[in-house]
Amino acid sequence: KVQFPCAANRRCSLGRCCPISELIHPWTTVTVYNKQNHSEYQRRTVWT
């Protein structure tokens, strides 16, 4: 589960966190790797 930092923008109401992904649709890249063997990994890039 990936959560994005809050953004400051007029489209966001005051007093709440407005994730960046509500203003832009970023490419999100997630990498899962074996802690003991970094050569074993999987990577996914999705359009959020």
ModelCIF file with pLDDT and N, C-alpha, C, O atoms, coordinates in Angstrom:
data_MODEL
#
_entry.id   MODEL 
#
_entity.id                         1 
_entity.type                       polymer 
_entity.pdbx_number_of_molecules   1 
#
_entity_poly.entity_id                      1 
_entity_poly.type                           'polypeptide(L)' 
_entity_poly.nstd_linkage                   no 
_entity_poly.nstd_monomer                   no 
_entity_poly.pdbx_seq_one_letter_code       KVQFPCAANRRCSLGRCCPISELIHPWTTVTVYNKQNHSEYQRRTVWT 
_entity_poly.pdbx_seq_one_letter_code_can   KVQFPCAANRRCSLGRCCPISELIHPWTTVTVYNKQNHSEYQRRTVWT 
_entity_poly.pdbx_strand_id                 A 
#
loop_
_entity_poly_seq.entity_id 
_entity_poly_seq.num 
_entity_poly_seq.mon_id 
_entity_poly_seq.hetero 
1 1  LYS n 
1 2  VAL n 
1 3  GLN n 
1 4  PHE n 
1 5  PRO n 
1 6  CYS n 
1 7  ALA n 
1 8  ALA n 
1 9  ASN n 
1 10 ARG n 
1 11 ARG n 
1 12 CYS n 
1 13 SER n 
1 14 LEU n 
1 15 GLY n 
1 16 ARG n 
1 17 CYS n 
1 18 CYS n 
1 19 PRO n 
1 20 ILE n 
1 21 SER n 
1 22 GLU n 
1 23 LEU n 
1 24 ILE n 
1 25 HIS n 
1 26 PRO n 
1 27 TRP n 
1 28 THR n 
1 29 THR n 
1 30 VAL n 
1 31 THR n 
1 32 VAL n 
1 33 TYR n 
1 34 ASN n 
1 35 LYS n 
1 36 GLN n 
1 37 ASN n 
1 38 HIS n 
1 39 SER n 
1 40 GLU n 
1 41 TYR n 
1 42 GLN n 
1 43 ARG n 
1 44 ARG n 
1 45 THR n 
1 46 VAL n 
1 47 TRP n 
1 48 THR n 
#
_struct_asym.id          A 
_struct_asym.entity_id   1 
#
loop_
_ma_qa_metric.id 
_ma_qa_metric.mode 
_ma_qa_metric.name 
_ma_qa_metric.software_group_id 
_ma_qa_metric.type 
1 global pLDDT . pLDDT 
2 local  pLDDT . pLDDT 
#
_ma_qa_metric_global.metric_id      1 
_ma_qa_metric_global.metric_value   89.23 
_ma_qa_metric_global.model_id       1 
_ma_qa_metric_global.ordinal_id     1 
#
loop_
_ma_qa_metric_local.label_asym_id 
_ma_qa_metric_local.label_comp_id 
_ma_qa_metric_local.label_seq_id 
_ma_qa_metric_local.metric_id 
_ma_qa_metric_local.metric_value 
_ma_qa_metric_local.model_id 
_ma_qa_metric_local.ordinal_id 
A LYS 1  2 98.00 1 1  
A VAL 2  2 98.00 1 2  
A GLN 3  2 97.00 1 3  
A PHE 4  2 96.00 1 4  
A PRO 5  2 94.00 1 5  
A CYS 6  2 92.00 1 6  
A ALA 7  2 88.00 1 7  
A ALA 8  2 73.00 1 8  
A ASN 9  2 69.00 1 9  
A ARG 10 2 61.00 1 10 
A ARG 11 2 65.00 1 11 
A CYS 12 2 70.00 1 12 
A SER 13 2 67.00 1 13 
A LEU 14 2 66.00 1 14 
A GLY 15 2 70.00 1 15 
A ARG 16 2 79.00 1 16 
A CYS 17 2 85.00 1 17 
A CYS 18 2 87.00 1 18 
A PRO 19 2 92.00 1 19 
A ILE 20 2 91.00 1 20 
A SER 21 2 91.00 1 21 
A GLU 22 2 88.00 1 22 
A LEU 23 2 87.00 1 23 
A ILE 24 2 89.00 1 24 
A HIS 25 2 92.00 1 25 
A PRO 26 2 94.00 1 26 
A TRP 27 2 95.00 1 27 
A THR 28 2 97.00 1 28 
A THR 29 2 97.00 1 29 
A VAL 30 2 98.00 1 30 
A THR 31 2 98.00 1 31 
A VAL 32 2 97.00 1 32 
A TYR 33 2 97.00 1 33 
A ASN 34 2 96.00 1 34 
A LYS 35 2 95.00 1 35 
A GLN 36 2 93.00 1 36 
A ASN 37 2 93.00 1 37 
A HIS 38 2 91.00 1 38 
A SER 39 2 94.00 1 39 
A GLU 40 2 95.00 1 40 
A TYR 41 2 96.00 1 41 
A GLN 42 2 97.00 1 42 
A ARG 43 2 97.00 1 43 
A ARG 44 2 97.00 1 44 
A THR 45 2 96.00 1 45 
A VAL 46 2 96.00 1 46 
A TRP 47 2 95.00 1 47 
A THR 48 2 94.00 1 48 
#
loop_
_atom_site.group_PDB 
_atom_site.id 
_atom_site.type_symbol 
_atom_site.label_atom_id 
_atom_site.label_alt_id 
_atom_site.label_comp_id 
_atom_site.label_asym_id 
_atom_site.label_entity_id 
_atom_site.label_seq_id 
_atom_site.pdbx_PDB_ins_code 
_atom_site.Cartn_x 
_atom_site.Cartn_y 
_atom_site.Cartn_z 
_atom_site.occupancy 
_atom_site.B_iso_or_equiv 
_atom_site.pdbx_formal_charge 
_atom_site.auth_seq_id 
_atom_site.auth_comp_id 
_atom_site.auth_asym_id 
_atom_site.auth_atom_id 
_atom_site.pdbx_PDB_model_num 
ATOM 1   N N  . LYS A 1 1  ? 0.855  -1.189  0.000   1.00 98.00 ? 1  LYS A N  1 
ATOM 2   C CA . LYS A 1 1  ? 0.000  0.000   0.000   1.00 98.00 ? 1  LYS A CA 1 
ATOM 3   C C  . LYS A 1 1  ? 0.891  1.238   0.000   1.00 98.00 ? 1  LYS A C  1 
ATOM 4   O O  . LYS A 1 1  ? 1.741  1.395   0.876   1.00 98.00 ? 1  LYS A O  1 
ATOM 5   N N  . VAL A 1 2  ? 0.695  2.117   -0.981  1.00 98.00 ? 2  VAL A N  1 
ATOM 6   C CA . VAL A 1 2  ? 1.520  3.315   -1.125  1.00 98.00 ? 2  VAL A CA 1 
ATOM 7   C C  . VAL A 1 2  ? 0.658  4.543   -0.839  1.00 98.00 ? 2  VAL A C  1 
ATOM 8   O O  . VAL A 1 2  ? -0.389 4.737   -1.458  1.00 98.00 ? 2  VAL A O  1 
ATOM 9   N N  . GLN A 1 3  ? 1.108  5.363   0.098   1.00 97.00 ? 3  GLN A N  1 
ATOM 10  C CA . GLN A 1 3  ? 0.420  6.604   0.433   1.00 97.00 ? 3  GLN A CA 1 
ATOM 11  C C  . GLN A 1 3  ? 1.324  7.781   0.081   1.00 97.00 ? 3  GLN A C  1 
ATOM 12  O O  . GLN A 1 3  ? 2.536  7.737   0.296   1.00 97.00 ? 3  GLN A O  1 
ATOM 13  N N  . PHE A 1 4  ? 0.712  8.841   -0.466  1.00 96.00 ? 4  PHE A N  1 
ATOM 14  C CA . PHE A 1 4  ? 1.469  9.952   -1.016  1.00 96.00 ? 4  PHE A CA 1 
ATOM 15  C C  . PHE A 1 4  ? 1.478  11.140  -0.053  1.00 96.00 ? 4  PHE A C  1 
ATOM 16  O O  . PHE A 1 4  ? 0.573  11.280  0.771   1.00 96.00 ? 4  PHE A O  1 
ATOM 17  N N  . PRO A 1 5  ? 2.505  11.998  -0.157  1.00 94.00 ? 5  PRO A N  1 
ATOM 18  C CA . PRO A 1 5  ? 2.554  13.171  0.736   1.00 94.00 ? 5  PRO A CA 1 
ATOM 19  C C  . PRO A 1 5  ? 1.433  14.157  0.423   1.00 94.00 ? 5  PRO A C  1 
ATOM 20  O O  . PRO A 1 5  ? 0.847  14.140  -0.659  1.00 94.00 ? 5  PRO A O  1 
ATOM 21  N N  . CYS A 1 6  ? 1.158  15.001  1.386   1.00 92.00 ? 6  CYS A N  1 
ATOM 22  C CA . CYS A 1 6  ? 0.105  16.004  1.228   1.00 92.00 ? 6  CYS A CA 1 
ATOM 23  C C  . CYS A 1 6  ? 0.600  17.154  0.354   1.00 92.00 ? 6  CYS A C  1 
ATOM 24  O O  . CYS A 1 6  ? 1.784  17.490  0.357   1.00 92.00 ? 6  CYS A O  1 
ATOM 25  N N  . ALA A 1 7  ? -0.321 17.744  -0.388  1.00 88.00 ? 7  ALA A N  1 
ATOM 26  C CA . ALA A 1 7  ? 0.006  18.856  -1.277  1.00 88.00 ? 7  ALA A CA 1 
ATOM 27  C C  . ALA A 1 7  ? -0.698 20.122  -0.810  1.00 88.00 ? 7  ALA A C  1 
ATOM 28  O O  . ALA A 1 7  ? -1.726 20.073  -0.135  1.00 88.00 ? 7  ALA A O  1 
ATOM 29  N N  . ALA A 1 8  ? -0.112 21.263  -1.189  1.00 73.00 ? 8  ALA A N  1 
ATOM 30  C CA . ALA A 1 8  ? -0.728 22.554  -0.894  1.00 73.00 ? 8  ALA A CA 1 
ATOM 31  C C  . ALA A 1 8  ? -1.279 23.105  -2.194  1.00 73.00 ? 8  ALA A C  1 
ATOM 32  O O  . ALA A 1 8  ? -0.517 23.435  -3.104  1.00 73.00 ? 8  ALA A O  1 
ATOM 33  N N  . ASN A 1 9  ? -2.594 23.208  -2.289  1.00 69.00 ? 9  ASN A N  1 
ATOM 34  C CA . ASN A 1 9  ? -3.206 23.656  -3.528  1.00 69.00 ? 9  ASN A CA 1 
ATOM 35  C C  . ASN A 1 9  ? -4.605 24.167  -3.251  1.00 69.00 ? 9  ASN A C  1 
ATOM 36  O O  . ASN A 1 9  ? -5.248 23.747  -2.288  1.00 69.00 ? 9  ASN A O  1 
ATOM 37  N N  . ARG A 1 10 ? -5.080 25.079  -4.099  1.00 61.00 ? 10 ARG A N  1 
ATOM 38  C CA . ARG A 1 10 ? -6.398 25.677  -3.869  1.00 61.00 ? 10 ARG A CA 1 
ATOM 39  C C  . ARG A 1 10 ? -7.521 24.678  -4.116  1.00 61.00 ? 10 ARG A C  1 
ATOM 40  O O  . ARG A 1 10 ? -8.646 24.907  -3.673  1.00 61.00 ? 10 ARG A O  1 
ATOM 41  N N  . ARG A 1 11 ? -7.245 23.572  -4.815  1.00 65.00 ? 11 ARG A N  1 
ATOM 42  C CA . ARG A 1 11 ? -8.270 22.566  -5.029  1.00 65.00 ? 11 ARG A CA 1 
ATOM 43  C C  . ARG A 1 11 ? -8.462 21.681  -3.804  1.00 65.00 ? 11 ARG A C  1 
ATOM 44  O O  . ARG A 1 11 ? -9.355 20.834  -3.786  1.00 65.00 ? 11 ARG A O  1 
ATOM 45  N N  . CYS A 1 12 ? -7.638 21.866  -2.786  1.00 70.00 ? 12 CYS A N  1 
ATOM 46  C CA . CYS A 1 12 ? -7.750 21.071  -1.562  1.00 70.00 ? 12 CYS A CA 1 
ATOM 47  C C  . CYS A 1 12 ? -8.365 21.937  -0.469  1.00 70.00 ? 12 CYS A C  1 
ATOM 48  O O  . CYS A 1 12 ? -8.002 23.101  -0.301  1.00 70.00 ? 12 CYS A O  1 
ATOM 49  N N  . SER A 1 13 ? -9.286 21.358  0.259   1.00 67.00 ? 13 SER A N  1 
ATOM 50  C CA . SER A 1 13 ? -9.906 22.096  1.352   1.00 67.00 ? 13 SER A CA 1 
ATOM 51  C C  . SER A 1 13 ? -8.913 22.222  2.502   1.00 67.00 ? 13 SER A C  1 
ATOM 52  O O  . SER A 1 13 ? -8.051 21.367  2.701   1.00 67.00 ? 13 SER A O  1 
ATOM 53  N N  . LEU A 1 14 ? -9.056 23.301  3.246   1.00 66.00 ? 14 LEU A N  1 
ATOM 54  C CA . LEU A 1 14 ? -8.162 23.544  4.372   1.00 66.00 ? 14 LEU A CA 1 
ATOM 55  C C  . LEU A 1 14 ? -8.437 22.556  5.502   1.00 66.00 ? 14 LEU A C  1 
ATOM 56  O O  . LEU A 1 14 ? -9.571 22.119  5.694   1.00 66.00 ? 14 LEU A O  1 
ATOM 57  N N  . GLY A 1 15 ? -7.414 22.216  6.230   1.00 70.00 ? 15 GLY A N  1 
ATOM 58  C CA . GLY A 1 15 ? -7.578 21.365  7.404   1.00 70.00 ? 15 GLY A CA 1 
ATOM 59  C C  . GLY A 1 15 ? -7.535 19.886  7.125   1.00 70.00 ? 15 GLY A C  1 
ATOM 60  O O  . GLY A 1 15 ? -7.741 19.095  8.046   1.00 70.00 ? 15 GLY A O  1 
ATOM 61  N N  . ARG A 1 16 ? -7.279 19.469  5.899   1.00 79.00 ? 16 ARG A N  1 
ATOM 62  C CA . ARG A 1 16 ? -7.175 18.043  5.622   1.00 79.00 ? 16 ARG A CA 1 
ATOM 63  C C  . ARG A 1 16 ? -5.991 17.789  4.700   1.00 79.00 ? 16 ARG A C  1 
ATOM 64  O O  . ARG A 1 16 ? -5.549 18.676  3.969   1.00 79.00 ? 16 ARG A O  1 
ATOM 65  N N  . CYS A 1 17 ? -5.491 16.570  4.749   1.00 85.00 ? 17 CYS A N  1 
ATOM 66  C CA . CYS A 1 17 ? -4.397 16.189  3.867   1.00 85.00 ? 17 CYS A CA 1 
ATOM 67  C C  . CYS A 1 17 ? -4.949 15.953  2.468   1.00 85.00 ? 17 CYS A C  1 
ATOM 68  O O  . CYS A 1 17 ? -5.902 15.195  2.283   1.00 85.00 ? 17 CYS A O  1 
ATOM 69  N N  . CYS A 1 18 ? -4.352 16.597  1.508   1.00 87.00 ? 18 CYS A N  1 
ATOM 70  C CA . CYS A 1 18 ? -4.740 16.425  0.114   1.00 87.00 ? 18 CYS A CA 1 
ATOM 71  C C  . CYS A 1 18 ? -3.588 15.705  -0.589  1.00 87.00 ? 18 CYS A C  1 
ATOM 72  O O  . CYS A 1 18 ? -2.610 16.350  -0.966  1.00 87.00 ? 18 CYS A O  1 
ATOM 73  N N  . PRO A 1 19 ? -3.679 14.385  -0.774  1.00 92.00 ? 19 PRO A N  1 
ATOM 74  C CA . PRO A 1 19 ? -2.564 13.654  -1.381  1.00 92.00 ? 19 PRO A CA 1 
ATOM 75  C C  . PRO A 1 19 ? -2.229 14.184  -2.778  1.00 92.00 ? 19 PRO A C  1 
ATOM 76  O O  . PRO A 1 19 ? -3.110 14.608  -3.526  1.00 92.00 ? 19 PRO A O  1 
ATOM 77  N N  . ILE A 1 20 ? -0.965 14.149  -3.104  1.00 91.00 ? 20 ILE A N  1 
ATOM 78  C CA . ILE A 1 20 ? -0.518 14.610  -4.414  1.00 91.00 ? 20 ILE A CA 1 
ATOM 79  C C  . ILE A 1 20 ? -1.249 13.888  -5.533  1.00 91.00 ? 20 ILE A C  1 
ATOM 80  O O  . ILE A 1 20 ? -1.519 14.473  -6.583  1.00 91.00 ? 20 ILE A O  1 
ATOM 81  N N  . SER A 1 21 ? -1.570 12.622  -5.314  1.00 91.00 ? 21 SER A N  1 
ATOM 82  C CA . SER A 1 21 ? -2.228 11.831  -6.351  1.00 91.00 ? 21 SER A CA 1 
ATOM 83  C C  . SER A 1 21 ? -3.636 12.311  -6.658  1.00 91.00 ? 21 SER A C  1 
ATOM 84  O O  . SER A 1 21 ? -4.231 11.858  -7.636  1.00 91.00 ? 21 SER A O  1 
ATOM 85  N N  . GLU A 1 22 ? -4.194 13.224  -5.844  1.00 88.00 ? 22 GLU A N  1 
ATOM 86  C CA . GLU A 1 22 ? -5.487 13.817  -6.171  1.00 88.00 ? 22 GLU A CA 1 
ATOM 87  C C  . GLU A 1 22 ? -5.336 14.978  -7.151  1.00 88.00 ? 22 GLU A C  1 
ATOM 88  O O  . GLU A 1 22 ? -6.310 15.388  -7.783  1.00 88.00 ? 22 GLU A O  1 
ATOM 89  N N  . LEU A 1 23 ? -4.119 15.509  -7.281  1.00 87.00 ? 23 LEU A N  1 
ATOM 90  C CA . LEU A 1 23 ? -3.875 16.654  -8.154  1.00 87.00 ? 23 LEU A CA 1 
ATOM 91  C C  . LEU A 1 23 ? -3.176 16.255  -9.443  1.00 87.00 ? 23 LEU A C  1 
ATOM 92  O O  . LEU A 1 23 ? -3.454 16.809  -10.506 1.00 87.00 ? 23 LEU A O  1 
ATOM 93  N N  . ILE A 1 24 ? -2.282 15.308  -9.346  1.00 89.00 ? 24 ILE A N  1 
ATOM 94  C CA . ILE A 1 24 ? -1.634 14.752  -10.529 1.00 89.00 ? 24 ILE A CA 1 
ATOM 95  C C  . ILE A 1 24 ? -1.779 13.231  -10.461 1.00 89.00 ? 24 ILE A C  1 
ATOM 96  O O  . ILE A 1 24 ? -2.020 12.681  -9.386  1.00 89.00 ? 24 ILE A O  1 
ATOM 97  N N  . HIS A 1 25 ? -1.636 12.559  -11.585 1.00 92.00 ? 25 HIS A N  1 
ATOM 98  C CA . HIS A 1 25 ? -1.709 11.103  -11.620 1.00 92.00 ? 25 HIS A CA 1 
ATOM 99  C C  . HIS A 1 25 ? -0.299 10.564  -11.858 1.00 92.00 ? 25 HIS A C  1 
ATOM 100 O O  . HIS A 1 25 ? 0.110  10.381  -13.005 1.00 92.00 ? 25 HIS A O  1 
ATOM 101 N N  . PRO A 1 26 ? 0.437  10.312  -10.794 1.00 94.00 ? 26 PRO A N  1 
ATOM 102 C CA . PRO A 1 26 ? 1.857  9.973   -10.944 1.00 94.00 ? 26 PRO A CA 1 
ATOM 103 C C  . PRO A 1 26 ? 2.080  8.527   -11.374 1.00 94.00 ? 26 PRO A C  1 
ATOM 104 O O  . PRO A 1 26 ? 1.206  7.674   -11.223 1.00 94.00 ? 26 PRO A O  1 
ATOM 105 N N  . TRP A 1 27 ? 3.256  8.275   -11.906 1.00 95.00 ? 27 TRP A N  1 
ATOM 106 C CA . TRP A 1 27 ? 3.733  6.915   -12.091 1.00 95.00 ? 27 TRP A CA 1 
ATOM 107 C C  . TRP A 1 27 ? 4.323  6.449   -10.772 1.00 95.00 ? 27 TRP A C  1 
ATOM 108 O O  . TRP A 1 27 ? 5.210  7.095   -10.214 1.00 95.00 ? 27 TRP A O  1 
ATOM 109 N N  . THR A 1 28 ? 3.829  5.330   -10.281 1.00 97.00 ? 28 THR A N  1 
ATOM 110 C CA . THR A 1 28 ? 4.283  4.797   -8.991  1.00 97.00 ? 28 THR A CA 1 
ATOM 111 C C  . THR A 1 28 ? 5.043  3.500   -9.235  1.00 97.00 ? 28 THR A C  1 
ATOM 112 O O  . THR A 1 28 ? 4.525  2.568   -9.850  1.00 97.00 ? 28 THR A O  1 
ATOM 113 N N  . THR A 1 29 ? 6.265  3.455   -8.750  1.00 97.00 ? 29 THR A N  1 
ATOM 114 C CA . THR A 1 29 ? 7.111  2.275   -8.922  1.00 97.00 ? 29 THR A CA 1 
ATOM 115 C C  . THR A 1 29 ? 7.355  1.636   -7.556  1.00 97.00 ? 29 THR A C  1 
ATOM 116 O O  . THR A 1 29 ? 7.820  2.294   -6.625  1.00 97.00 ? 29 THR A O  1 
ATOM 117 N N  . VAL A 1 30 ? 7.035  0.347   -7.449  1.00 98.00 ? 30 VAL A N  1 
ATOM 118 C CA . VAL A 1 30 ? 7.209  -0.414  -6.210  1.00 98.00 ? 30 VAL A CA 1 
ATOM 119 C C  . VAL A 1 30 ? 8.183  -1.559  -6.488  1.00 98.00 ? 30 VAL A C  1 
ATOM 120 O O  . VAL A 1 30 ? 8.038  -2.287  -7.470  1.00 98.00 ? 30 VAL A O  1 
ATOM 121 N N  . THR A 1 31 ? 9.158  -1.704  -5.627  1.00 98.00 ? 31 THR A N  1 
ATOM 122 C CA . THR A 1 31 ? 10.142 -2.777  -5.746  1.00 98.00 ? 31 THR A CA 1 
ATOM 123 C C  . THR A 1 31 ? 10.097 -3.633  -4.492  1.00 98.00 ? 31 THR A C  1 
ATOM 124 O O  . THR A 1 31 ? 10.168 -3.118  -3.376  1.00 98.00 ? 31 THR A O  1 
ATOM 125 N N  . VAL A 1 32 ? 9.978  -4.938  -4.680  1.00 97.00 ? 32 VAL A N  1 
ATOM 126 C CA . VAL A 1 32 ? 10.034 -5.905  -3.575  1.00 97.00 ? 32 VAL A CA 1 
ATOM 127 C C  . VAL A 1 32 ? 11.279 -6.749  -3.770  1.00 97.00 ? 32 VAL A C  1 
ATOM 128 O O  . VAL A 1 32 ? 11.474 -7.334  -4.836  1.00 97.00 ? 32 VAL A O  1 
ATOM 129 N N  . TYR A 1 33 ? 12.123 -6.817  -2.751  1.00 97.00 ? 33 TYR A N  1 
ATOM 130 C CA . TYR A 1 33 ? 13.388 -7.529  -2.875  1.00 97.00 ? 33 TYR A CA 1 
ATOM 131 C C  . TYR A 1 33 ? 13.628 -8.415  -1.660  1.00 97.00 ? 33 TYR A C  1 
ATOM 132 O O  . TYR A 1 33 ? 13.108 -8.176  -0.570  1.00 97.00 ? 33 TYR A O  1 
ATOM 133 N N  . ASN A 1 34 ? 14.436 -9.451  -1.889  1.00 96.00 ? 34 ASN A N  1 
ATOM 134 C CA . ASN A 1 34 ? 14.828 -10.362 -0.816  1.00 96.00 ? 34 ASN A CA 1 
ATOM 135 C C  . ASN A 1 34 ? 15.910 -9.683  0.019   1.00 96.00 ? 34 ASN A C  1 
ATOM 136 O O  . ASN A 1 34 ? 16.950 -9.282  -0.504  1.00 96.00 ? 34 ASN A O  1 
ATOM 137 N N  . LYS A 1 35 ? 15.660 -9.562  1.296   1.00 95.00 ? 35 LYS A N  1 
ATOM 138 C CA . LYS A 1 35 ? 16.590 -8.827  2.161   1.00 95.00 ? 35 LYS A CA 1 
ATOM 139 C C  . LYS A 1 35 ? 17.952 -9.497  2.227   1.00 95.00 ? 35 LYS A C  1 
ATOM 140 O O  . LYS A 1 35 ? 18.967 -8.812  2.362   1.00 95.00 ? 35 LYS A O  1 
ATOM 141 N N  . GLN A 1 36 ? 17.998 -10.835 2.134   1.00 93.00 ? 36 GLN A N  1 
ATOM 142 C CA . GLN A 1 36 ? 19.268 -11.546 2.189   1.00 93.00 ? 36 GLN A CA 1 
ATOM 143 C C  . GLN A 1 36 ? 19.915 -11.679 0.815   1.00 93.00 ? 36 GLN A C  1 
ATOM 144 O O  . GLN A 1 36 ? 21.115 -11.940 0.719   1.00 93.00 ? 36 GLN A O  1 
ATOM 145 N N  . ASN A 1 37 ? 19.137 -11.501 -0.245  1.00 93.00 ? 37 ASN A N  1 
ATOM 146 C CA . ASN A 1 37 ? 19.663 -11.660 -1.594  1.00 93.00 ? 37 ASN A CA 1 
ATOM 147 C C  . ASN A 1 37 ? 19.032 -10.599 -2.488  1.00 93.00 ? 37 ASN A C  1 
ATOM 148 O O  . ASN A 1 37 ? 17.969 -10.819 -3.068  1.00 93.00 ? 37 ASN A O  1 
ATOM 149 N N  . HIS A 1 38 ? 19.694 -9.442  -2.597  1.00 91.00 ? 38 HIS A N  1 
ATOM 150 C CA . HIS A 1 38 ? 19.118 -8.301  -3.315  1.00 91.00 ? 38 HIS A CA 1 
ATOM 151 C C  . HIS A 1 38 ? 18.972 -8.557  -4.810  1.00 91.00 ? 38 HIS A C  1 
ATOM 152 O O  . HIS A 1 38 ? 18.240 -7.833  -5.485  1.00 91.00 ? 38 HIS A O  1 
ATOM 153 N N  . SER A 1 39 ? 19.649 -9.567  -5.339  1.00 94.00 ? 39 SER A N  1 
ATOM 154 C CA . SER A 1 39 ? 19.497 -9.884  -6.762  1.00 94.00 ? 39 SER A CA 1 
ATOM 155 C C  . SER A 1 39 ? 18.130 -10.508 -7.057  1.00 94.00 ? 39 SER A C  1 
ATOM 156 O O  . SER A 1 39 ? 17.711 -10.565 -8.213  1.00 94.00 ? 39 SER A O  1 
ATOM 157 N N  . GLU A 1 40 ? 17.441 -10.970 -6.025  1.00 95.00 ? 40 GLU A N  1 
ATOM 158 C CA . GLU A 1 40 ? 16.081 -11.488 -6.178  1.00 95.00 ? 40 GLU A CA 1 
ATOM 159 C C  . GLU A 1 40 ? 15.102 -10.356 -5.857  1.00 95.00 ? 40 GLU A C  1 
ATOM 160 O O  . GLU A 1 40 ? 14.943 -9.962  -4.702  1.00 95.00 ? 40 GLU A O  1 
ATOM 161 N N  . TYR A 1 41 ? 14.456 -9.847  -6.894  1.00 96.00 ? 41 TYR A N  1 
ATOM 162 C CA . TYR A 1 41 ? 13.519 -8.745  -6.680  1.00 96.00 ? 41 TYR A CA 1 
ATOM 163 C C  . TYR A 1 41 ? 12.441 -8.762  -7.765  1.00 96.00 ? 41 TYR A C  1 
ATOM 164 O O  . TYR A 1 41 ? 12.606 -9.373  -8.821  1.00 96.00 ? 41 TYR A O  1 
ATOM 165 N N  . GLN A 1 42 ? 11.351 -8.085  -7.480  1.00 97.00 ? 42 GLN A N  1 
ATOM 166 C CA . GLN A 1 42 ? 10.276 -7.856  -8.438  1.00 97.00 ? 42 GLN A CA 1 
ATOM 167 C C  . GLN A 1 42 ? 9.955  -6.366  -8.437  1.00 97.00 ? 42 GLN A C  1 
ATOM 168 O O  . GLN A 1 42 ? 10.025 -5.712  -7.396  1.00 97.00 ? 42 GLN A O  1 
ATOM 169 N N  . ARG A 1 43 ? 9.604  -5.831  -9.601  1.00 97.00 ? 43 ARG A N  1 
ATOM 170 C CA . ARG A 1 43 ? 9.309  -4.397  -9.705  1.00 97.00 ? 43 ARG A CA 1 
ATOM 171 C C  . ARG A 1 43 ? 8.060  -4.197  -10.554 1.00 97.00 ? 43 ARG A C  1 
ATOM 172 O O  . ARG A 1 43 ? 7.888  -4.822  -11.600 1.00 97.00 ? 43 ARG A O  1 
ATOM 173 N N  . ARG A 1 44 ? 7.194  -3.308  -10.074 1.00 97.00 ? 44 ARG A N  1 
ATOM 174 C CA . ARG A 1 44 ? 5.972  -2.966  -10.784 1.00 97.00 ? 44 ARG A CA 1 
ATOM 175 C C  . ARG A 1 44 ? 5.867  -1.435  -10.853 1.00 97.00 ? 44 ARG A C  1 
ATOM 176 O O  . ARG A 1 44 ? 6.131  -0.732  -9.877  1.00 97.00 ? 44 ARG A O  1 
ATOM 177 N N  . THR A 1 45 ? 5.476  -0.945  -12.028 1.00 96.00 ? 45 THR A N  1 
ATOM 178 C CA . THR A 1 45 ? 5.201  0.480   -12.211 1.00 96.00 ? 45 THR A CA 1 
ATOM 179 C C  . THR A 1 45 ? 3.754  0.629   -12.663 1.00 96.00 ? 45 THR A C  1 
ATOM 180 O O  . THR A 1 45 ? 3.352  0.047   -13.671 1.00 96.00 ? 45 THR A O  1 
ATOM 181 N N  . VAL A 1 46 ? 2.985  1.396   -11.931 1.00 96.00 ? 46 VAL A N  1 
ATOM 182 C CA . VAL A 1 46 ? 1.561  1.570   -12.224 1.00 96.00 ? 46 VAL A CA 1 
ATOM 183 C C  . VAL A 1 46 ? 1.235  3.053   -12.331 1.00 96.00 ? 46 VAL A C  1 
ATOM 184 O O  . VAL A 1 46 ? 1.902  3.903   -11.741 1.00 96.00 ? 46 VAL A O  1 
ATOM 185 N N  . TRP A 1 47 ? 0.200  3.336   -13.093 1.00 95.00 ? 47 TRP A N  1 
ATOM 186 C CA . TRP A 1 47 ? -0.293 4.707   -13.210 1.00 95.00 ? 47 TRP A CA 1 
ATOM 187 C C  . TRP A 1 47 ? -1.365 4.907   -12.158 1.00 95.00 ? 47 TRP A C  1 
ATOM 188 O O  . TRP A 1 47 ? -2.435 4.302   -12.225 1.00 95.00 ? 47 TRP A O  1 
ATOM 189 N N  . THR A 1 48 ? -1.078 5.752   -11.191 1.00 94.00 ? 48 THR A N  1 
ATOM 190 C CA . THR A 1 48 ? -1.964 5.925   -10.043 1.00 94.00 ? 48 THR A CA 1 
ATOM 191 C C  . THR A 1 48 ? -3.008 6.989   -10.333 1.00 94.00 ? 48 THR A C  1 
ATOM 192 O O  . THR A 1 48 ? -3.849 7.278   -9.482  1.00 94.00 ? 48 THR A O  1 
#
